[in-house]
């Protein structure tokens, strides 16, 4: 092994040890008007910039009573940038695709390690609301 190969190996090993496992959890209740929004798709992501793709940390659907609980973790060199996304059809008539709402999870809810020690409670959200920055998911 020449010195260049050794330096490359040491660099890779250094990066591997610099990666930090970080965890996040979010819970809440979704309504559509005065009814529970059951079966609504919810996801948490680590949103990344540049060529690095966003990392899906957890996904699921709301329960019959509109409640959900998501938790996940990711190894990153820098702090994760967790986002909570909701994909729904509440108050949407027959438009194509689904309404997509994205919320930033505050950094104080990021836990070191593979398990979240704090849970961000987003509370009760009525999906009839038109949220700022709302988009449509056509896929």
Protein backbone atom coordinates (compact mmCIF):
# COMPACT_ATOMS: atom_id res chain seq x y z
CA UNK A 1 0.00 0.00 0.00
CA UNK A 2 1.51 3.32 -1.03
CA UNK A 3 1.22 6.54 0.99
CA UNK A 4 -1.65 7.89 -1.15
CA UNK A 5 -3.71 4.74 -0.56
CA UNK A 6 -2.98 5.00 3.15
CA UNK A 7 -4.13 8.63 3.26
CA UNK A 8 -7.33 7.78 1.41
CA UNK A 9 -8.04 4.91 3.83
CA UNK A 10 -7.38 7.13 6.85
CA UNK A 11 -9.69 9.80 5.41
CA UNK A 12 -12.51 7.30 4.92
CA UNK A 13 -12.06 5.93 8.44
CA UNK A 14 -12.03 9.47 9.89
CA UNK A 15 -15.30 10.33 8.12
CA UNK A 16 -16.90 7.12 9.36
CA UNK A 17 -16.04 7.99 12.98
CA UNK A 18 -17.23 11.59 12.52
CA UNK A 19 -20.74 10.46 11.57
CA UNK A 20 -23.21 11.03 14.41
CA UNK A 21 -26.39 9.03 14.90
CA UNK A 22 -29.29 11.41 15.57
CA UNK A 23 -32.95 10.67 16.29
CA UNK A 24 -36.26 12.51 16.07
CA UNK A 25 -39.89 11.75 16.99
CA UNK A 26 -43.13 13.60 16.25
CA UNK A 27 -46.73 12.94 17.26
CA UNK A 28 -50.08 14.65 16.91
CA UNK A 29 -53.68 14.48 15.80
CA UNK A 30 -55.07 15.42 12.39
CA UNK A 31 -58.65 16.48 11.76
CA UNK A 32 -60.63 17.24 8.62
CA UNK A 33 -63.13 19.75 9.94
CA UNK A 34 -64.72 18.21 13.03
CA UNK A 35 -63.88 14.61 12.00
CA UNK A 36 -60.67 12.64 12.62
CA UNK A 37 -58.49 12.53 9.49
CA UNK A 38 -57.88 8.78 9.40
CA UNK A 39 -55.59 7.08 6.88
CA UNK A 40 -53.63 10.26 6.12
CA UNK A 41 -50.02 9.66 5.02
CA UNK A 42 -47.39 11.26 7.29
CA UNK A 43 -43.58 11.21 6.98
CA UNK A 44 -40.47 12.58 8.65
CA UNK A 45 -37.40 13.40 6.57
CA UNK A 46 -33.90 14.68 7.09
CA UNK A 47 -33.90 17.42 4.45
CA UNK A 48 -30.50 17.69 2.77
CA UNK A 49 -29.02 20.33 0.48
CA UNK A 50 -26.90 19.82 -2.61
CA UNK A 51 -26.36 16.44 -4.24
CA UNK A 52 -27.25 14.50 -1.06
CA UNK A 53 -30.85 13.26 -1.33
CA UNK A 54 -33.34 13.73 1.52
CA UNK A 55 -33.40 10.80 3.94
CA UNK A 56 -36.75 9.25 4.87
CA UNK A 57 -36.64 8.65 8.64
CA UNK A 58 -40.14 7.19 9.14
CA UNK A 59 -43.54 7.09 7.48
CA UNK A 60 -47.01 5.87 8.28
CA UNK A 61 -50.71 6.70 8.31
CA UNK A 62 -52.95 8.28 10.91
CA UNK A 63 -55.09 5.96 13.03
CA UNK A 64 -58.91 5.90 12.95
CA UNK A 65 -58.93 8.71 15.55
CA UNK A 66 -56.51 10.84 13.48
CA UNK A 67 -53.50 10.29 15.76
CA UNK A 68 -50.00 9.37 14.62
CA UNK A 69 -46.53 8.77 16.06
CA UNK A 70 -43.38 8.73 13.94
CA UNK A 71 -39.78 8.20 15.02
CA UNK A 72 -36.54 7.61 13.19
CA UNK A 73 -32.82 8.21 13.12
CA UNK A 74 -30.01 8.95 10.69
CA UNK A 75 -26.20 9.17 10.76
CA UNK A 76 -24.87 12.49 9.47
CA UNK A 77 -21.69 14.53 9.73
CA UNK A 78 -23.72 17.66 10.51
CA UNK A 79 -26.96 18.18 12.45
CA UNK A 80 -29.99 16.64 10.78
CA UNK A 81 -32.65 19.02 9.43
CA UNK A 82 -35.89 17.18 10.28
CA UNK A 83 -39.12 17.98 8.44
CA UNK A 84 -42.61 16.58 9.02
CA UNK A 85 -44.82 16.16 5.94
CA UNK A 86 -48.54 15.48 5.57
CA UNK A 87 -50.15 14.27 2.31
CA UNK A 88 -53.94 14.61 2.34
CA UNK A 89 -57.16 15.24 0.42
CA UNK A 90 -59.14 17.10 3.12
CA UNK A 91 -61.36 19.83 1.66
CA UNK A 92 -59.82 19.19 -1.77
CA UNK A 93 -62.82 18.31 -3.98
CA UNK A 94 -61.63 16.47 -7.13
CA UNK A 95 -58.29 18.18 -7.78
CA UNK A 96 -55.49 15.85 -8.98
CA UNK A 97 -52.87 14.72 -6.48
CA UNK A 98 -52.83 15.48 -2.80
CA UNK A 99 -52.25 18.57 -0.73
CA UNK A 100 -48.74 18.46 0.79
CA UNK A 101 -47.89 20.38 3.95
CA UNK A 102 -44.38 20.58 5.41
CA UNK A 103 -43.35 21.62 8.94
CA UNK A 104 -39.86 22.14 10.34
CA UNK A 105 -39.21 20.27 13.58
CA UNK A 106 -37.30 22.47 16.09
CA UNK A 107 -33.68 21.44 16.61
CA UNK A 108 -34.11 21.03 20.39
CA UNK A 109 -36.06 17.81 19.62
CA UNK A 110 -33.05 16.17 17.93
CA UNK A 111 -31.56 13.50 20.22
CA UNK A 112 -28.06 12.06 20.10
CA UNK A 113 -28.06 8.33 19.39
CA UNK A 114 -30.52 6.02 17.71
CA UNK A 115 -33.58 6.65 19.93
CA UNK A 116 -35.41 9.95 20.40
CA UNK A 117 -35.48 11.06 24.03
CA UNK A 118 -37.94 13.92 23.36
CA UNK A 119 -41.07 13.86 21.22
CA UNK A 120 -42.23 16.93 19.30
CA UNK A 121 -46.00 17.17 19.80
CA UNK A 122 -47.35 19.10 16.82
CA UNK A 123 -50.76 19.18 18.56
CA UNK A 124 -54.12 19.04 16.80
CA UNK A 125 -54.15 20.26 13.20
CA UNK A 126 -57.30 20.87 11.16
CA UNK A 127 -56.36 20.02 7.58
CA UNK A 128 -59.08 22.32 6.22
CA UNK A 129 -56.56 25.09 6.95
CA UNK A 130 -54.64 26.47 3.96
CA UNK A 131 -51.08 26.38 5.27
CA UNK A 132 -48.37 28.81 4.05
CA UNK A 133 -46.11 27.17 1.47
CA UNK A 134 -48.58 24.35 0.85
CA UNK A 135 -47.87 22.34 -2.31
CA UNK A 136 -49.44 19.54 -4.35
CA UNK A 137 -48.03 16.05 -4.57
CA UNK A 138 -48.86 14.56 -7.94
CA UNK A 139 -46.87 11.34 -7.58
